Amino acid sequence: MVDKIIKSADEKMRKAIESARHDFGTMRAGRATPAILERVMVDYYGTPTPVSQVGSVSVPDASMLIIQPWDKSILGDIEKAIFKSDLGLTPSNDGEVVRLPIPQLTEERRFELLKVVKGMAEEGRVSIRNIRRDANDHLKKEEKNHEMSEDDLRRGQDRVQKMTDKYVAELDHMLEVKEQDLLEV
């Protein structure tokens, strides 16, 4: 029973780490990457749709993204969606594709993005700690129902804590890497 609870907690913590990794990937660091457009939603025939689902996004060089829509009539909608997003980018439309130049980040913008990334990391830590609390509560409930001994409870809680420490350390490492990426000029 302890193994089942710990395995479930491990799986949930791994998903929390993957979610944080995905969120970190959407933060731009002065380099063009299609991931920065993941949160941009285009009004496609009345339905909010991610940019990646209305056209292809390519990276011809480190400072440019090109969005080639499958339906040329939505070029203007793609531009509007990018303007409305919090990316701080200015798209240009040539009638065929939308070009999105990625300017070098200012120092001020780097620190703003750093605060956002630190907030994302803290959300990840909170999520991991909540999973730890739930697993420990589940273990205590099993012990209270006399389905495991006190020793098994303590061993289970120790394993959950070690797992929590491991995932928080991994999240902190990811944050360090992203900080270096953002502060790199």
N, C-alpha and C. Protein backbone atom coordinates (compact mmCIF):
# COMPACT_ATOMS: atom_id res chain seq x y z
N MET A 1 0.82 -1.19 0.00
CA MET A 1 0.00 0.00 0.00
C MET A 1 0.87 1.26 0.00
N VAL A 2 1.95 1.25 0.79
CA VAL A 2 2.87 2.40 0.86
C VAL A 2 3.47 2.66 -0.52
N ASP A 3 3.89 1.59 -1.20
CA ASP A 3 4.49 1.74 -2.52
C ASP A 3 3.52 2.36 -3.51
N LYS A 4 2.26 1.99 -3.42
CA LYS A 4 1.24 2.52 -4.33
C LYS A 4 1.06 4.03 -4.11
N ILE A 5 1.02 4.45 -2.86
CA ILE A 5 0.86 5.87 -2.52
C ILE A 5 2.08 6.66 -3.00
N ILE A 6 3.27 6.11 -2.76
CA ILE A 6 4.50 6.80 -3.16
C ILE A 6 4.63 6.86 -4.67
N LYS A 7 4.26 5.78 -5.34
CA LYS A 7 4.33 5.78 -6.81
C LYS A 7 3.39 6.83 -7.39
N SER A 8 2.20 6.94 -6.83
CA SER A 8 1.25 7.94 -7.28
C SER A 8 1.78 9.36 -7.05
N ALA A 9 2.36 9.59 -5.87
CA ALA A 9 2.93 10.91 -5.57
C ALA A 9 4.09 11.23 -6.50
N ASP A 10 4.93 10.23 -6.78
CA ASP A 10 6.07 10.41 -7.68
C ASP A 10 5.59 10.82 -9.07
N GLU A 11 4.58 10.14 -9.55
CA GLU A 11 4.03 10.45 -10.87
C GLU A 11 3.48 11.88 -10.92
N LYS A 12 2.77 12.29 -9.88
CA LYS A 12 2.21 13.64 -9.83
C LYS A 12 3.32 14.69 -9.75
N MET A 13 4.37 14.43 -8.96
CA MET A 13 5.48 15.37 -8.86
C MET A 13 6.21 15.49 -10.18
N ARG A 14 6.37 14.37 -10.88
CA ARG A 14 7.02 14.40 -12.19
C ARG A 14 6.22 15.26 -13.16
N LYS A 15 4.88 15.15 -13.09
CA LYS A 15 4.03 15.98 -13.96
C LYS A 15 4.15 17.46 -13.60
N ALA A 16 4.30 17.77 -12.30
CA ALA A 16 4.47 19.16 -11.87
C ALA A 16 5.78 19.73 -12.44
N ILE A 17 6.83 18.90 -12.44
CA ILE A 17 8.12 19.33 -13.00
C ILE A 17 7.98 19.57 -14.51
N GLU A 18 7.31 18.66 -15.20
CA GLU A 18 7.12 18.82 -16.65
C GLU A 18 6.30 20.08 -16.96
N SER A 19 5.31 20.35 -16.14
CA SER A 19 4.50 21.56 -16.32
C SER A 19 5.37 22.81 -16.15
N ALA A 20 6.21 22.82 -15.13
CA ALA A 20 7.11 23.96 -14.91
C ALA A 20 8.09 24.09 -16.07
N ARG A 21 8.62 22.96 -16.55
CA ARG A 21 9.55 22.99 -17.69
C ARG A 21 8.87 23.58 -18.92
N HIS A 22 7.62 23.21 -19.14
CA HIS A 22 6.85 23.75 -20.26
C HIS A 22 6.65 25.25 -20.09
N ASP A 23 6.27 25.68 -18.88
CA ASP A 23 6.06 27.10 -18.62
C ASP A 23 7.35 27.89 -18.81
N PHE A 24 8.47 27.35 -18.35
CA PHE A 24 9.75 28.03 -18.54
C PHE A 24 10.06 28.18 -20.03
N GLY A 25 9.69 27.18 -20.81
CA GLY A 25 9.96 27.22 -22.25
C GLY A 25 9.19 28.30 -22.97
N THR A 26 8.08 28.73 -22.40
CA THR A 26 7.28 29.78 -23.07
C THR A 26 7.84 31.17 -22.80
N MET A 27 8.80 31.29 -21.91
CA MET A 27 9.40 32.59 -21.60
C MET A 27 10.55 32.84 -22.57
N ARG A 28 10.48 33.95 -23.28
CA ARG A 28 11.53 34.22 -24.27
C ARG A 28 12.78 34.76 -23.60
N ALA A 29 13.90 34.43 -24.17
CA ALA A 29 15.18 34.86 -23.60
C ALA A 29 16.04 35.52 -24.67
N GLY A 30 15.41 36.29 -25.57
CA GLY A 30 16.18 36.97 -26.60
C GLY A 30 16.44 36.11 -27.83
N ARG A 31 16.03 34.86 -27.79
CA ARG A 31 16.19 33.96 -28.93
C ARG A 31 14.82 33.57 -29.44
N ALA A 32 14.72 33.40 -30.73
CA ALA A 32 13.46 33.00 -31.33
C ALA A 32 13.21 31.51 -31.06
N THR A 33 12.02 31.21 -30.55
CA THR A 33 11.61 29.83 -30.35
C THR A 33 10.09 29.79 -30.49
N PRO A 34 9.56 28.80 -31.21
CA PRO A 34 8.11 28.72 -31.39
C PRO A 34 7.34 28.60 -30.08
N ALA A 35 8.00 28.16 -29.02
CA ALA A 35 7.32 27.98 -27.73
C ALA A 35 6.78 29.29 -27.17
N ILE A 36 7.37 30.42 -27.55
CA ILE A 36 6.89 31.69 -27.00
C ILE A 36 5.50 32.05 -27.51
N LEU A 37 5.07 31.39 -28.57
CA LEU A 37 3.74 31.67 -29.13
C LEU A 37 2.65 30.74 -28.60
N GLU A 38 3.01 29.81 -27.70
CA GLU A 38 2.03 28.81 -27.25
C GLU A 38 0.83 29.41 -26.54
N ARG A 39 1.04 30.54 -25.85
CA ARG A 39 -0.08 31.13 -25.11
C ARG A 39 -0.86 32.15 -25.95
N VAL A 40 -0.42 32.40 -27.18
CA VAL A 40 -1.11 33.35 -28.05
C VAL A 40 -2.28 32.65 -28.73
N MET A 41 -3.49 33.18 -28.50
CA MET A 41 -4.70 32.59 -29.07
C MET A 41 -5.24 33.50 -30.18
N VAL A 42 -5.50 32.92 -31.34
CA VAL A 42 -6.03 33.63 -32.49
C VAL A 42 -7.54 33.39 -32.57
N ASP A 43 -8.29 34.43 -32.87
CA ASP A 43 -9.73 34.29 -33.05
C ASP A 43 -9.96 33.68 -34.44
N TYR A 44 -10.14 32.38 -34.48
CA TYR A 44 -10.27 31.66 -35.75
C TYR A 44 -11.73 31.26 -35.93
N TYR A 45 -12.46 32.03 -36.72
CA TYR A 45 -13.88 31.83 -36.94
C TYR A 45 -14.66 31.76 -35.62
N GLY A 46 -14.32 32.69 -34.71
CA GLY A 46 -15.03 32.79 -33.45
C GLY A 46 -14.53 31.88 -32.34
N THR A 47 -13.51 31.10 -32.62
CA THR A 47 -12.97 30.18 -31.62
C THR A 47 -11.52 30.54 -31.29
N PRO A 48 -11.19 30.74 -30.01
CA PRO A 48 -9.79 30.99 -29.67
C PRO A 48 -8.95 29.75 -29.96
N THR A 49 -7.97 29.91 -30.81
CA THR A 49 -7.16 28.78 -31.28
C THR A 49 -5.67 29.13 -31.16
N PRO A 50 -4.83 28.22 -30.67
CA PRO A 50 -3.39 28.51 -30.59
C PRO A 50 -2.80 28.76 -31.99
N VAL A 51 -1.81 29.63 -32.05
CA VAL A 51 -1.17 29.99 -33.32
C VAL A 51 -0.67 28.74 -34.04
N SER A 52 -0.13 27.78 -33.30
CA SER A 52 0.44 26.59 -33.92
C SER A 52 -0.60 25.73 -34.63
N GLN A 53 -1.89 25.97 -34.34
CA GLN A 53 -2.94 25.19 -34.99
C GLN A 53 -3.57 25.89 -36.19
N VAL A 54 -3.15 27.14 -36.46
CA VAL A 54 -3.69 27.85 -37.62
C VAL A 54 -2.64 28.04 -38.71
N GLY A 55 -1.42 27.59 -38.44
CA GLY A 55 -0.36 27.71 -39.44
C GLY A 55 0.92 27.10 -38.92
N SER A 56 1.94 27.13 -39.78
CA SER A 56 3.23 26.59 -39.36
C SER A 56 4.11 27.73 -38.86
N VAL A 57 4.86 27.43 -37.81
CA VAL A 57 5.77 28.42 -37.22
C VAL A 57 7.19 27.92 -37.47
N SER A 58 7.99 28.76 -38.12
CA SER A 58 9.38 28.37 -38.38
C SER A 58 10.35 29.40 -37.81
N VAL A 59 11.59 28.98 -37.64
CA VAL A 59 12.64 29.84 -37.08
C VAL A 59 13.78 29.90 -38.10
N PRO A 60 13.76 30.90 -39.01
CA PRO A 60 14.82 30.98 -40.01
C PRO A 60 16.17 31.39 -39.42
N ASP A 61 16.17 32.19 -38.35
CA ASP A 61 17.40 32.53 -37.65
C ASP A 61 17.07 32.83 -36.19
N ALA A 62 18.09 33.11 -35.40
CA ALA A 62 17.91 33.26 -33.95
C ALA A 62 17.08 34.47 -33.54
N SER A 63 16.82 35.39 -34.48
CA SER A 63 16.08 36.59 -34.10
C SER A 63 14.80 36.78 -34.92
N MET A 64 14.25 35.71 -35.49
CA MET A 64 13.06 35.85 -36.32
C MET A 64 12.18 34.60 -36.25
N LEU A 65 10.88 34.82 -36.15
CA LEU A 65 9.91 33.74 -36.27
C LEU A 65 9.05 34.06 -37.50
N ILE A 66 8.68 33.04 -38.24
CA ILE A 66 7.79 33.23 -39.38
C ILE A 66 6.58 32.32 -39.19
N ILE A 67 5.40 32.93 -39.27
CA ILE A 67 4.15 32.19 -39.13
C ILE A 67 3.49 32.18 -40.50
N GLN A 68 3.32 30.99 -41.04
CA GLN A 68 2.68 30.85 -42.34
C GLN A 68 1.34 30.17 -42.13
N PRO A 69 0.23 30.97 -42.15
CA PRO A 69 -1.09 30.40 -41.89
C PRO A 69 -1.55 29.54 -43.06
N TRP A 70 -2.37 28.54 -42.73
CA TRP A 70 -2.92 27.69 -43.78
C TRP A 70 -4.05 28.42 -44.49
N ASP A 71 -4.67 29.36 -43.82
CA ASP A 71 -5.74 30.17 -44.39
C ASP A 71 -5.27 31.62 -44.38
N LYS A 72 -4.93 32.16 -45.56
CA LYS A 72 -4.35 33.50 -45.66
C LYS A 72 -5.29 34.59 -45.13
N SER A 73 -6.58 34.31 -45.05
CA SER A 73 -7.53 35.33 -44.60
C SER A 73 -7.39 35.66 -43.12
N ILE A 74 -6.62 34.89 -42.36
CA ILE A 74 -6.50 35.16 -40.93
C ILE A 74 -5.17 35.83 -40.57
N LEU A 75 -4.42 36.30 -41.58
CA LEU A 75 -3.16 36.98 -41.30
C LEU A 75 -3.38 38.14 -40.33
N GLY A 76 -4.42 38.93 -40.56
CA GLY A 76 -4.72 40.07 -39.69
C GLY A 76 -5.08 39.63 -38.28
N ASP A 77 -5.81 38.52 -38.18
CA ASP A 77 -6.19 38.01 -36.85
C ASP A 77 -4.96 37.55 -36.06
N ILE A 78 -4.00 36.95 -36.77
CA ILE A 78 -2.76 36.51 -36.11
C ILE A 78 -2.01 37.73 -35.59
N GLU A 79 -1.91 38.77 -36.44
CA GLU A 79 -1.24 40.00 -36.01
C GLU A 79 -1.91 40.59 -34.77
N LYS A 80 -3.24 40.67 -34.78
CA LYS A 80 -3.98 41.23 -33.64
C LYS A 80 -3.71 40.43 -32.37
N ALA A 81 -3.71 39.10 -32.49
CA ALA A 81 -3.49 38.24 -31.33
C ALA A 81 -2.10 38.47 -30.74
N ILE A 82 -1.11 38.65 -31.60
CA ILE A 82 0.26 38.89 -31.11
C ILE A 82 0.35 40.26 -30.45
N PHE A 83 -0.30 41.27 -31.06
CA PHE A 83 -0.31 42.60 -30.45
C PHE A 83 -0.95 42.56 -29.06
N LYS A 84 -2.06 41.82 -28.92
CA LYS A 84 -2.79 41.77 -27.65
C LYS A 84 -2.06 40.95 -26.59
N SER A 85 -1.16 40.06 -27.01
CA SER A 85 -0.44 39.22 -26.04
C SER A 85 0.55 40.07 -25.25
N ASP A 86 1.08 39.52 -24.18
CA ASP A 86 2.04 40.25 -23.35
C ASP A 86 3.48 40.00 -23.79
N LEU A 87 3.68 39.62 -25.05
CA LEU A 87 5.02 39.30 -25.53
C LEU A 87 5.86 40.55 -25.80
N GLY A 88 5.20 41.67 -26.08
CA GLY A 88 5.94 42.89 -26.38
C GLY A 88 6.63 42.84 -27.74
N LEU A 89 6.03 42.11 -28.70
CA LEU A 89 6.61 41.97 -30.03
C LEU A 89 5.71 42.64 -31.06
N THR A 90 6.33 43.09 -32.17
CA THR A 90 5.58 43.75 -33.22
C THR A 90 5.66 42.92 -34.50
N PRO A 91 4.55 42.29 -34.89
CA PRO A 91 4.56 41.47 -36.11
C PRO A 91 4.44 42.32 -37.36
N SER A 92 4.89 41.78 -38.49
CA SER A 92 4.68 42.44 -39.78
C SER A 92 4.11 41.41 -40.75
N ASN A 93 3.16 41.86 -41.54
CA ASN A 93 2.41 40.98 -42.44
C ASN A 93 2.73 41.39 -43.86
N ASP A 94 3.19 40.45 -44.70
CA ASP A 94 3.48 40.78 -46.09
C ASP A 94 2.46 40.19 -47.06
N GLY A 95 1.32 39.74 -46.55
CA GLY A 95 0.28 39.16 -47.39
C GLY A 95 0.39 37.65 -47.54
N GLU A 96 1.56 37.10 -47.22
CA GLU A 96 1.79 35.66 -47.31
C GLU A 96 2.06 35.05 -45.94
N VAL A 97 2.94 35.73 -45.19
CA VAL A 97 3.36 35.24 -43.88
C VAL A 97 3.39 36.41 -42.89
N VAL A 98 3.43 36.05 -41.61
CA VAL A 98 3.62 37.05 -40.56
C VAL A 98 5.04 36.87 -40.05
N ARG A 99 5.83 37.93 -40.15
CA ARG A 99 7.20 37.90 -39.65
C ARG A 99 7.20 38.52 -38.25
N LEU A 100 7.92 37.87 -37.36
CA LEU A 100 7.96 38.31 -35.98
C LEU A 100 9.43 38.46 -35.54
N PRO A 101 9.98 39.69 -35.70
CA PRO A 101 11.36 39.88 -35.27
C PRO A 101 11.45 39.85 -33.74
N ILE A 102 12.46 39.17 -33.23
CA ILE A 102 12.67 39.05 -31.79
C ILE A 102 13.84 39.98 -31.42
N PRO A 103 13.52 41.13 -30.82
CA PRO A 103 14.60 42.07 -30.47
C PRO A 103 15.37 41.57 -29.25
N GLN A 104 16.57 42.09 -29.08
CA GLN A 104 17.34 41.79 -27.88
C GLN A 104 16.58 42.36 -26.69
N LEU A 105 16.59 41.65 -25.59
CA LEU A 105 15.89 42.11 -24.40
C LEU A 105 16.65 43.23 -23.71
N THR A 106 15.90 44.22 -23.21
CA THR A 106 16.52 45.26 -22.41
C THR A 106 16.77 44.69 -21.02
N GLU A 107 17.64 45.33 -20.27
CA GLU A 107 17.95 44.85 -18.93
C GLU A 107 16.69 44.87 -18.06
N GLU A 108 15.90 45.93 -18.22
CA GLU A 108 14.67 46.04 -17.44
C GLU A 108 13.71 44.89 -17.74
N ARG A 109 13.56 44.59 -19.02
CA ARG A 109 12.65 43.50 -19.42
C ARG A 109 13.18 42.15 -18.93
N ARG A 110 14.49 41.96 -18.94
CA ARG A 110 15.08 40.72 -18.43
C ARG A 110 14.70 40.50 -16.97
N PHE A 111 14.77 41.57 -16.17
CA PHE A 111 14.44 41.44 -14.75
C PHE A 111 12.94 41.22 -14.54
N GLU A 112 12.11 41.81 -15.41
CA GLU A 112 10.67 41.54 -15.33
C GLU A 112 10.40 40.06 -15.62
N LEU A 113 11.02 39.55 -16.67
CA LEU A 113 10.84 38.14 -17.02
C LEU A 113 11.39 37.23 -15.93
N LEU A 114 12.48 37.65 -15.29
CA LEU A 114 13.06 36.87 -14.21
C LEU A 114 12.08 36.74 -13.05
N LYS A 115 11.38 37.83 -12.73
CA LYS A 115 10.37 37.78 -11.66
C LYS A 115 9.25 36.80 -12.03
N VAL A 116 8.82 36.83 -13.29
CA VAL A 116 7.76 35.92 -13.74
C VAL A 116 8.22 34.47 -13.63
N VAL A 117 9.46 34.20 -14.05
CA VAL A 117 10.00 32.83 -14.00
C VAL A 117 10.11 32.36 -12.55
N LYS A 118 10.56 33.25 -11.65
CA LYS A 118 10.65 32.88 -10.24
C LYS A 118 9.27 32.57 -9.68
N GLY A 119 8.25 33.31 -10.12
CA GLY A 119 6.88 33.03 -9.70
C GLY A 119 6.43 31.66 -10.19
N MET A 120 6.78 31.33 -11.43
CA MET A 120 6.44 30.01 -11.98
C MET A 120 7.11 28.90 -11.16
N ALA A 121 8.37 29.13 -10.79
CA ALA A 121 9.10 28.13 -10.00
C ALA A 121 8.45 27.96 -8.63
N GLU A 122 8.02 29.06 -8.03
CA GLU A 122 7.37 28.97 -6.72
C GLU A 122 6.05 28.22 -6.83
N GLU A 123 5.30 28.44 -7.92
CA GLU A 123 4.07 27.68 -8.14
C GLU A 123 4.37 26.19 -8.22
N GLY A 124 5.46 25.85 -8.90
CA GLY A 124 5.87 24.44 -9.01
C GLY A 124 6.22 23.86 -7.65
N ARG A 125 6.95 24.63 -6.83
CA ARG A 125 7.32 24.16 -5.48
C ARG A 125 6.06 23.93 -4.63
N VAL A 126 5.13 24.88 -4.71
CA VAL A 126 3.88 24.76 -3.95
C VAL A 126 3.12 23.52 -4.38
N SER A 127 3.09 23.29 -5.69
CA SER A 127 2.40 22.11 -6.21
C SER A 127 3.04 20.82 -5.68
N ILE A 128 4.37 20.78 -5.67
CA ILE A 128 5.08 19.60 -5.17
C ILE A 128 4.80 19.40 -3.68
N ARG A 129 4.82 20.50 -2.93
CA ARG A 129 4.55 20.39 -1.48
C ARG A 129 3.11 19.94 -1.21
N ASN A 130 2.17 20.39 -2.04
CA ASN A 130 0.78 19.94 -1.88
C ASN A 130 0.66 18.44 -2.15
N ILE A 131 1.40 17.96 -3.13
CA ILE A 131 1.39 16.53 -3.42
C ILE A 131 1.98 15.76 -2.24
N ARG A 132 3.06 16.31 -1.65
CA ARG A 132 3.66 15.68 -0.46
C ARG A 132 2.64 15.61 0.68
N ARG A 133 1.94 16.72 0.91
CA ARG A 133 0.94 16.76 1.99
C ARG A 133 -0.16 15.73 1.75
N ASP A 134 -0.64 15.65 0.52
CA ASP A 134 -1.69 14.68 0.20
C ASP A 134 -1.21 13.24 0.42
N ALA A 135 0.02 12.95 0.01
CA ALA A 135 0.57 11.60 0.19
C ALA A 135 0.71 11.28 1.67
N ASN A 136 1.21 12.24 2.45
CA ASN A 136 1.36 12.02 3.89
C ASN A 136 0.00 11.84 4.56
N ASP A 137 -0.98 12.62 4.15
CA ASP A 137 -2.34 12.47 4.70
C ASP A 137 -2.89 11.08 4.40
N HIS A 138 -2.63 10.62 3.17
CA HIS A 138 -3.10 9.30 2.76
C HIS A 138 -2.42 8.20 3.61
N LEU A 139 -1.11 8.38 3.83
CA LEU A 139 -0.38 7.42 4.65
C LEU A 139 -0.93 7.40 6.09
N LYS A 140 -1.17 8.58 6.65
CA LYS A 140 -1.70 8.67 8.02
C LYS A 140 -3.08 8.02 8.11
N LYS A 141 -3.87 8.21 7.07
CA LYS A 141 -5.21 7.60 7.05
C LYS A 141 -5.10 6.07 7.05
N GLU A 142 -4.16 5.54 6.28
CA GLU A 142 -3.96 4.09 6.23
C GLU A 142 -3.52 3.57 7.61
N GLU A 143 -2.64 4.34 8.27
CA GLU A 143 -2.16 3.92 9.60
C GLU A 143 -3.29 4.00 10.61
N LYS A 144 -4.11 5.02 10.51
CA LYS A 144 -5.24 5.19 11.44
C LYS A 144 -6.25 4.05 11.29
N ASN A 145 -6.42 3.58 10.06
CA ASN A 145 -7.33 2.46 9.78
C ASN A 145 -6.67 1.11 10.06
N HIS A 146 -5.49 1.13 10.65
CA HIS A 146 -4.73 -0.08 11.02
C HIS A 146 -4.39 -0.94 9.81
N GLU A 147 -4.16 -0.30 8.66
CA GLU A 147 -3.75 -1.03 7.47
C GLU A 147 -2.23 -1.02 7.31
N MET A 148 -1.54 -0.26 8.18
CA MET A 148 -0.07 -0.26 8.20
C MET A 148 0.39 0.10 9.61
N SER A 149 1.63 -0.24 9.91
CA SER A 149 2.17 0.04 11.25
C SER A 149 2.74 1.46 11.31
N GLU A 150 3.04 1.91 12.54
CA GLU A 150 3.65 3.23 12.72
C GLU A 150 5.01 3.29 12.04
N ASP A 151 5.75 2.20 12.10
CA ASP A 151 7.06 2.15 11.45
C ASP A 151 6.92 2.32 9.94
N ASP A 152 5.93 1.63 9.36
CA ASP A 152 5.68 1.77 7.92
C ASP A 152 5.29 3.20 7.58
N LEU A 153 4.51 3.82 8.45
CA LEU A 153 4.10 5.21 8.24
C LEU A 153 5.34 6.11 8.20
N ARG A 154 6.22 5.96 9.19
CA ARG A 154 7.43 6.80 9.24
C ARG A 154 8.33 6.56 8.03
N ARG A 155 8.51 5.30 7.68
CA ARG A 155 9.33 4.99 6.49
C ARG A 155 8.71 5.59 5.24
N GLY A 156 7.40 5.48 5.13
CA GLY A 156 6.69 6.05 3.97
C GLY A 156 6.84 7.57 3.92
N GLN A 157 6.68 8.21 5.08
CA GLN A 157 6.82 9.67 5.12
C GLN A 157 8.26 10.10 4.79
N ASP A 158 9.24 9.33 5.24
CA ASP A 158 10.63 9.63 4.90
C ASP A 158 10.86 9.52 3.40
N ARG A 159 10.31 8.47 2.79
CA ARG A 159 10.46 8.29 1.34
C ARG A 159 9.78 9.44 0.58
N VAL A 160 8.61 9.84 1.04
CA VAL A 160 7.90 10.95 0.39
C VAL A 160 8.72 12.24 0.52
N GLN A 161 9.32 12.47 1.68
CA GLN A 161 10.12 13.68 1.90
C GLN A 161 11.36 13.68 1.01
N LYS A 162 12.03 12.53 0.90
CA LYS A 162 13.22 12.44 0.04
C LYS A 162 12.85 12.71 -1.42
N MET A 163 11.71 12.16 -1.84
CA MET A 163 11.23 12.37 -3.20
C MET A 163 10.91 13.87 -3.41
N THR A 164 10.28 14.48 -2.43
CA THR A 164 9.95 15.90 -2.51
C THR A 164 11.22 16.73 -2.64
N ASP A 165 12.21 16.44 -1.80
CA ASP A 165 13.49 17.16 -1.86
C ASP A 165 14.14 17.02 -3.23
N LYS A 166 14.07 15.81 -3.79
CA LYS A 166 14.67 15.57 -5.11
C LYS A 166 14.00 16.43 -6.18
N TYR A 167 12.67 16.46 -6.19
CA TYR A 167 11.96 17.23 -7.22
C TYR A 167 12.10 18.73 -7.01
N VAL A 168 12.14 19.20 -5.77
CA VAL A 168 12.34 20.63 -5.53
C VAL A 168 13.75 21.03 -5.98
N ALA A 169 14.74 20.17 -5.74
CA ALA A 169 16.11 20.45 -6.19
C ALA A 169 16.16 20.51 -7.72
N GLU A 170 15.44 19.60 -8.38
CA GLU A 170 15.40 19.61 -9.85
C GLU A 170 14.76 20.90 -10.35
N LEU A 171 13.70 21.33 -9.71
CA LEU A 171 13.02 22.58 -10.08
C LEU A 171 13.96 23.77 -9.86
N ASP A 172 14.68 23.77 -8.75
CA ASP A 172 15.63 24.86 -8.48
C ASP A 172 16.73 24.89 -9.53
N HIS A 173 17.19 23.73 -9.97
CA HIS A 173 18.21 23.66 -11.02
C HIS A 173 17.66 24.23 -12.33
N MET A 174 16.43 23.85 -12.66
CA MET A 174 15.80 24.39 -13.88
C MET A 174 15.71 25.91 -13.80
N LEU A 175 15.36 26.43 -12.62
CA LEU A 175 15.26 27.88 -12.43
C LEU A 175 16.63 28.54 -12.62
N GLU A 176 17.68 27.94 -12.07
CA GLU A 176 19.04 28.48 -12.23
C GLU A 176 19.41 28.57 -13.71
N VAL A 177 19.14 27.52 -14.45
CA VAL A 177 19.46 27.49 -15.88
C VAL A 177 18.68 28.57 -16.62
N LYS A 178 17.40 28.72 -16.30
CA LYS A 178 16.57 29.73 -16.97
C LYS A 178 17.02 31.13 -16.58
N GLU A 179 17.42 31.34 -15.33
CA GLU A 179 17.94 32.64 -14.90
C GLU A 179 19.18 33.02 -15.70
N GLN A 180 20.10 32.06 -15.84
CA GLN A 180 21.31 32.32 -16.62
C GLN A 180 20.97 32.62 -18.06
N ASP A 181 20.00 31.92 -18.59
CA ASP A 181 19.55 32.12 -19.96
C ASP A 181 18.97 33.53 -20.13
N LEU A 182 18.17 33.96 -19.16
CA LEU A 182 17.55 35.29 -19.25
C LEU A 182 18.55 36.42 -19.05
N LEU A 183 19.51 36.21 -18.18
CA LEU A 183 20.46 37.29 -17.88
C LEU A 183 21.64 37.33 -18.85
N GLU A 184 21.74 36.30 -19.71
CA GLU A 184 22.82 36.25 -20.70
C GLU A 184 22.57 37.32 -21.76
N VAL A 185 23.60 38.11 -22.08
CA VAL A 185 23.42 39.19 -23.07
C VAL A 185 23.91 38.77 -24.42
